[in-house]
Amino acid sequence: MNKFMFRKFFLFLLFISLIGCSIDYKEANKKAVERLRNQLLEGKYEEIYNQSENNIKYYISKEEFLGNMKLAVSTMKEFDESLTWQQDEAADEHRVQEVYGYDRASWRTMEKNGKRLNIDIWWSSNFSFCDLTMSEDFSDKPEIVVTRCSKE
């Protein structure tokens, strides 16, 4: 095989690998979001904390985490009792590069009566829970921060 053919073959394999990683990422992201949603619906906040990225346990106590999570879920339920999130597809397509040791995110929204709640979920590279923040569009209400994987 000459060098030109080898390069074409190598680029082809690289392209196929990247497509495979993208599909795996999307599926893993989808499963992680649904797992988190189910845990929230079932009130399994302590389970979320215990399965989360170790950094969370360094920056926030279990009691504070549980209180923040209850506040976040009650806010979400004001929009929809079943916690039916809409995927922000444009944002979700963007694979976030490594920031503060975690590199994956899911953006979801909920809408009711013309109000929109933005939900940002961050995962570690293996889709362990890291961060959950929420904010309403065009609202004076402060952002709700359940936790972060870092002090940033």
C-alpha atoms as a PDB file:
ATOM      1  CA  MET A   1       0.000   0.000   0.000  1.00  0.00           C
ATOM      2  CA  ASN A   2       1.512   3.361  -0.956  1.00  0.00           C
ATOM      3  CA  LYS A   3       1.669   6.354   1.394  1.00  0.00           C
ATOM      4  CA  PHE A   4      -1.287   8.096  -0.243  1.00  0.00           C
ATOM      5  CA  MET A   5      -3.545   5.044   0.191  1.00  0.00           C
ATOM      6  CA  PHE A   6      -2.355   4.578   3.744  1.00  0.00           C
ATOM      7  CA  ARG A   7      -3.220   8.197   4.610  1.00  0.00           C
ATOM      8  CA  LYS A   8      -6.675   7.863   3.053  1.00  0.00           C
ATOM      9  CA  PHE A   9      -7.266   4.650   4.977  1.00  0.00           C
ATOM     10  CA  PHE A  10      -6.043   6.235   8.221  1.00  0.00           C
ATOM     11  CA  LEU A  11      -8.299   9.290   7.768  1.00  0.00           C
ATOM     12  CA  PHE A  12     -11.239   7.024   6.991  1.00  0.00           C
ATOM     13  CA  LEU A  13     -10.671   5.034  10.207  1.00  0.00           C
ATOM     14  CA  LEU A  14     -10.301   8.247  12.192  1.00  0.00           C
ATOM     15  CA  PHE A  15     -13.560   9.589  10.766  1.00  0.00           C
ATOM     16  CA  ILE A  16     -15.428   6.365  11.595  1.00  0.00           C
ATOM     17  CA  SER A  17     -14.010   6.403  15.145  1.00  0.00           C
ATOM     18  CA  LEU A  18     -15.143   9.976  15.691  1.00  0.00           C
ATOM     19  CA  ILE A  19     -18.646   9.167  14.504  1.00  0.00           C
ATOM     20  CA  GLY A  20     -18.754   6.176  16.845  1.00  0.00           C
ATOM     21  CA  CYS A  21     -17.628   8.275  19.804  1.00  0.00           C
ATOM     22  CA  SER A  22     -20.245  10.891  19.017  1.00  0.00           C
ATOM     23  CA  ILE A  23     -23.018   8.292  18.929  1.00  0.00           C
ATOM     24  CA  ASP A  24     -21.773   6.714  22.172  1.00  0.00           C
ATOM     25  CA  TYR A  25     -21.641  10.143  23.816  1.00  0.00           C
ATOM     26  CA  LYS A  26     -25.190  11.018  22.767  1.00  0.00           C
ATOM     27  CA  GLU A  27     -26.587   7.710  23.977  1.00  0.00           C
ATOM     28  CA  ALA A  28     -24.689   7.834  27.272  1.00  0.00           C
ATOM     29  CA  ASN A  29     -25.814  11.427  27.795  1.00  0.00           C
ATOM     30  CA  LYS A  30     -29.437  10.504  27.114  1.00  0.00           C
ATOM     31  CA  LYS A  31     -29.284   7.576  29.563  1.00  0.00           C
ATOM     32  CA  ALA A  32     -27.622   9.697  32.259  1.00  0.00           C
ATOM     33  CA  VAL A  33     -30.278  12.407  31.951  1.00  0.00           C
ATOM     34  CA  GLU A  34     -33.103   9.883  32.167  1.00  0.00           C
ATOM     35  CA  ARG A  35     -31.478   8.141  35.153  1.00  0.00           C
ATOM     36  CA  LEU A  36     -31.166  11.491  36.959  1.00  0.00           C
ATOM     37  CA  ARG A  37     -34.761  12.445  36.102  1.00  0.00           C
ATOM     38  CA  ASN A  38     -36.046   9.144  37.520  1.00  0.00           C
ATOM     39  CA  GLN A  39     -33.993   9.545  40.682  1.00  0.00           C
ATOM     40  CA  LEU A  40     -35.416  13.056  41.143  1.00  0.00           C
ATOM     41  CA  LEU A  41     -38.979  11.861  40.597  1.00  0.00           C
ATOM     42  CA  GLU A  42     -38.479   9.104  43.166  1.00  0.00           C
ATOM     43  CA  GLY A  43     -36.858  11.485  45.670  1.00  0.00           C
ATOM     44  CA  LYS A  44     -33.579   9.547  45.643  1.00  0.00           C
ATOM     45  CA  TYR A  45     -31.444  12.617  46.369  1.00  0.00           C
ATOM     46  CA  GLU A  46     -29.135  10.759  48.738  1.00  0.00           C
ATOM     47  CA  GLU A  47     -28.521   8.120  46.054  1.00  0.00           C
ATOM     48  CA  ILE A  48     -27.604  10.885  43.593  1.00  0.00           C
ATOM     49  CA  TYR A  49     -25.171  12.331  46.143  1.00  0.00           C
ATOM     50  CA  ASN A  50     -23.595   8.953  46.879  1.00  0.00           C
ATOM     51  CA  GLN A  51     -23.161   8.118  43.169  1.00  0.00           C
ATOM     52  CA  SER A  52     -21.913  11.574  42.224  1.00  0.00           C
ATOM     53  CA  GLU A  53     -18.417  12.687  41.371  1.00  0.00           C
ATOM     54  CA  ASN A  54     -16.131  12.719  44.436  1.00  0.00           C
ATOM     55  CA  ASN A  55     -15.491  16.462  44.078  1.00  0.00           C
ATOM     56  CA  ILE A  56     -19.068  17.175  45.120  1.00  0.00           C
ATOM     57  CA  LYS A  57     -18.476  15.579  48.492  1.00  0.00           C
ATOM     58  CA  TYR A  58     -15.469  17.828  48.999  1.00  0.00           C
ATOM     59  CA  TYR A  59     -17.338  21.062  48.246  1.00  0.00           C
ATOM     60  CA  ILE A  60     -20.771  20.421  49.751  1.00  0.00           C
ATOM     61  CA  SER A  61     -22.105  18.442  52.692  1.00  0.00           C
ATOM     62  CA  LYS A  62     -24.747  15.799  52.162  1.00  0.00           C
ATOM     63  CA  GLU A  63     -27.250  17.841  54.188  1.00  0.00           C
ATOM     64  CA  GLU A  64     -26.681  20.974  52.099  1.00  0.00           C
ATOM     65  CA  PHE A  65     -26.889  18.937  48.897  1.00  0.00           C
ATOM     66  CA  LEU A  66     -30.192  17.345  49.943  1.00  0.00           C
ATOM     67  CA  GLY A  67     -31.678  20.746  50.842  1.00  0.00           C
ATOM     68  CA  ASN A  68     -30.552  22.289  47.556  1.00  0.00           C
ATOM     69  CA  MET A  69     -31.888  19.333  45.586  1.00  0.00           C
ATOM     70  CA  LYS A  70     -35.294  19.552  47.285  1.00  0.00           C
ATOM     71  CA  LEU A  71     -35.485  23.252  46.402  1.00  0.00           C
ATOM     72  CA  ALA A  72     -34.493  22.556  42.803  1.00  0.00           C
ATOM     73  CA  VAL A  73     -37.026  19.758  42.372  1.00  0.00           C
ATOM     74  CA  SER A  74     -39.848  21.817  43.912  1.00  0.00           C
ATOM     75  CA  THR A  75     -38.995  24.625  41.472  1.00  0.00           C
ATOM     76  CA  MET A  76     -39.027  22.192  38.540  1.00  0.00           C
ATOM     77  CA  LYS A  77     -42.359  20.758  39.681  1.00  0.00           C
ATOM     78  CA  GLU A  78     -43.859  24.259  39.524  1.00  0.00           C
ATOM     79  CA  PHE A  79     -43.290  23.927  35.781  1.00  0.00           C
ATOM     80  CA  ASP A  80     -44.213  20.256  35.411  1.00  0.00           C
ATOM     81  CA  GLU A  81     -45.023  17.668  38.114  1.00  0.00           C
ATOM     82  CA  SER A  82     -43.656  14.861  35.922  1.00  0.00           C
ATOM     83  CA  LEU A  83     -40.341  16.662  35.367  1.00  0.00           C
ATOM     84  CA  THR A  84     -40.690  16.340  31.627  1.00  0.00           C
ATOM     85  CA  TRP A  85     -37.643  18.166  30.347  1.00  0.00           C
ATOM     86  CA  GLN A  86     -37.241  19.356  26.810  1.00  0.00           C
ATOM     87  CA  GLN A  87     -33.821  18.838  25.317  1.00  0.00           C
ATOM     88  CA  ASP A  88     -32.068  21.990  24.189  1.00  0.00           C
ATOM     89  CA  GLU A  89     -30.794  20.254  21.081  1.00  0.00           C
ATOM     90  CA  ALA A  90     -28.591  23.078  19.853  1.00  0.00           C
ATOM     91  CA  ALA A  91     -26.768  23.243  23.179  1.00  0.00           C
ATOM     92  CA  ASP A  92     -26.732  19.481  23.712  1.00  0.00           C
ATOM     93  CA  GLU A  93     -25.067  18.886  20.349  1.00  0.00           C
ATOM     94  CA  HIS A  94     -22.103  20.889  21.575  1.00  0.00           C
ATOM     95  CA  ARG A  95     -19.655  18.641  23.368  1.00  0.00           C
ATOM     96  CA  VAL A  96     -18.111  20.715  26.084  1.00  0.00           C
ATOM     97  CA  GLN A  97     -14.371  20.512  26.352  1.00  0.00           C
ATOM     98  CA  GLU A  98     -12.799  19.669  29.668  1.00  0.00           C
ATOM     99  CA  VAL A  99     -13.462  22.391  32.219  1.00  0.00           C
ATOM    100  CA  TYR A 100     -12.585  21.946  35.882  1.00  0.00           C
ATOM    101  CA  GLY A 101     -12.074  18.213  35.437  1.00  0.00           C
ATOM    102  CA  TYR A 102     -15.420  17.352  33.855  1.00  0.00           C
ATOM    103  CA  ASP A 103     -16.298  17.564  30.221  1.00  0.00           C
ATOM    104  CA  ARG A 104     -19.897  16.751  29.432  1.00  0.00           C
ATOM    105  CA  ALA A 105     -23.095  18.683  29.812  1.00  0.00           C
ATOM    106  CA  SER A 106     -26.797  18.374  29.174  1.00  0.00           C
ATOM    107  CA  TRP A 107     -29.031  21.340  28.696  1.00  0.00           C
ATOM    108  CA  ARG A 108     -32.739  20.949  29.344  1.00  0.00           C
ATOM    109  CA  THR A 109     -35.643  23.348  29.565  1.00  0.00           C
ATOM    110  CA  MET A 110     -39.144  23.414  30.986  1.00  0.00           C
ATOM    111  CA  GLU A 111     -41.835  25.896  29.994  1.00  0.00           C
ATOM    112  CA  LYS A 112     -45.122  26.984  31.540  1.00  0.00           C
ATOM    113  CA  ASN A 113     -47.300  30.050  31.015  1.00  0.00           C
ATOM    114  CA  GLY A 114     -44.694  31.749  28.860  1.00  0.00           C
ATOM    115  CA  LYS A 115     -41.915  31.226  31.419  1.00  0.00           C
ATOM    116  CA  ARG A 116     -38.867  29.116  30.701  1.00  0.00           C
ATOM    117  CA  LEU A 117     -36.667  27.279  33.190  1.00  0.00           C
ATOM    118  CA  ASN A 118     -33.146  26.484  31.962  1.00  0.00           C
ATOM    119  CA  ILE A 119     -31.582  23.402  33.541  1.00  0.00           C
ATOM    120  CA  ASP A 120     -27.851  22.806  33.188  1.00  0.00           C
ATOM    121  CA  ILE A 121     -26.547  19.368  34.136  1.00  0.00           C
ATOM    122  CA  TRP A 122     -22.840  18.606  34.094  1.00  0.00           C
ATOM    123  CA  TRP A 123     -21.300  15.143  34.133  1.00  0.00           C
ATOM    124  CA  SER A 124     -17.833  13.782  34.678  1.00  0.00           C
ATOM    125  CA  SER A 125     -16.234  11.953  31.764  1.00  0.00           C
ATOM    126  CA  ASN A 126     -17.927   8.700  32.879  1.00  0.00           C
ATOM    127  CA  PHE A 127     -21.312  10.438  33.308  1.00  0.00           C
ATOM    128  CA  SER A 128     -21.223  10.658  37.076  1.00  0.00           C
ATOM    129  CA  PHE A 129     -23.282  13.599  38.306  1.00  0.00           C
ATOM    130  CA  CYS A 130     -21.325  16.827  38.923  1.00  0.00           C
ATOM    131  CA  ASP A 131     -23.426  19.994  38.722  1.00  0.00           C
ATOM    132  CA  LEU A 132     -27.019  21.096  38.526  1.00  0.00           C
ATOM    133  CA  THR A 133     -27.939  24.749  38.077  1.00  0.00           C
ATOM    134  CA  MET A 134     -31.225  26.302  37.057  1.00  0.00           C
ATOM    135  CA  SER A 135     -32.402  29.748  36.086  1.00  0.00           C
ATOM    136  CA  GLU A 136     -35.562  31.287  34.730  1.00  0.00           C
ATOM    137  CA  ASP A 137     -35.450  33.405  31.578  1.00  0.00           C
ATOM    138  CA  PHE A 138     -36.094  37.102  32.169  1.00  0.00           C
ATOM    139  CA  SER A 139     -36.624  36.705  35.897  1.00  0.00           C
ATOM    140  CA  ASP A 140     -35.425  38.587  38.941  1.00  0.00           C
ATOM    141  CA  LYS A 141     -35.083  35.264  40.737  1.00  0.00           C
ATOM    142  CA  PRO A 142     -31.482  34.222  41.402  1.00  0.00           C
ATOM    143  CA  GLU A 143     -29.982  31.161  39.783  1.00  0.00           C
ATOM    144  CA  ILE A 144     -30.514  27.995  41.811  1.00  0.00           C
ATOM    145  CA  VAL A 145     -27.242  26.156  42.287  1.00  0.00           C
ATOM    146  CA  VAL A 146     -27.653  22.665  43.676  1.00  0.00           C
ATOM    147  CA  THR A 147     -23.962  21.888  43.575  1.00  0.00           C
ATOM    148  CA  ARG A 148     -20.811  22.285  41.576  1.00  0.00           C
ATOM    149  CA  CYS A 149     -17.840  20.005  41.074  1.00  0.00           C
ATOM    150  CA  SER A 150     -15.557  22.931  41.813  1.00  0.00           C
ATOM    151  CA  LYS A 151     -15.509  26.190  43.730  1.00  0.00           C
ATOM    152  CA  GLU A 152     -15.784  28.113  40.404  1.00  0.00           C
END
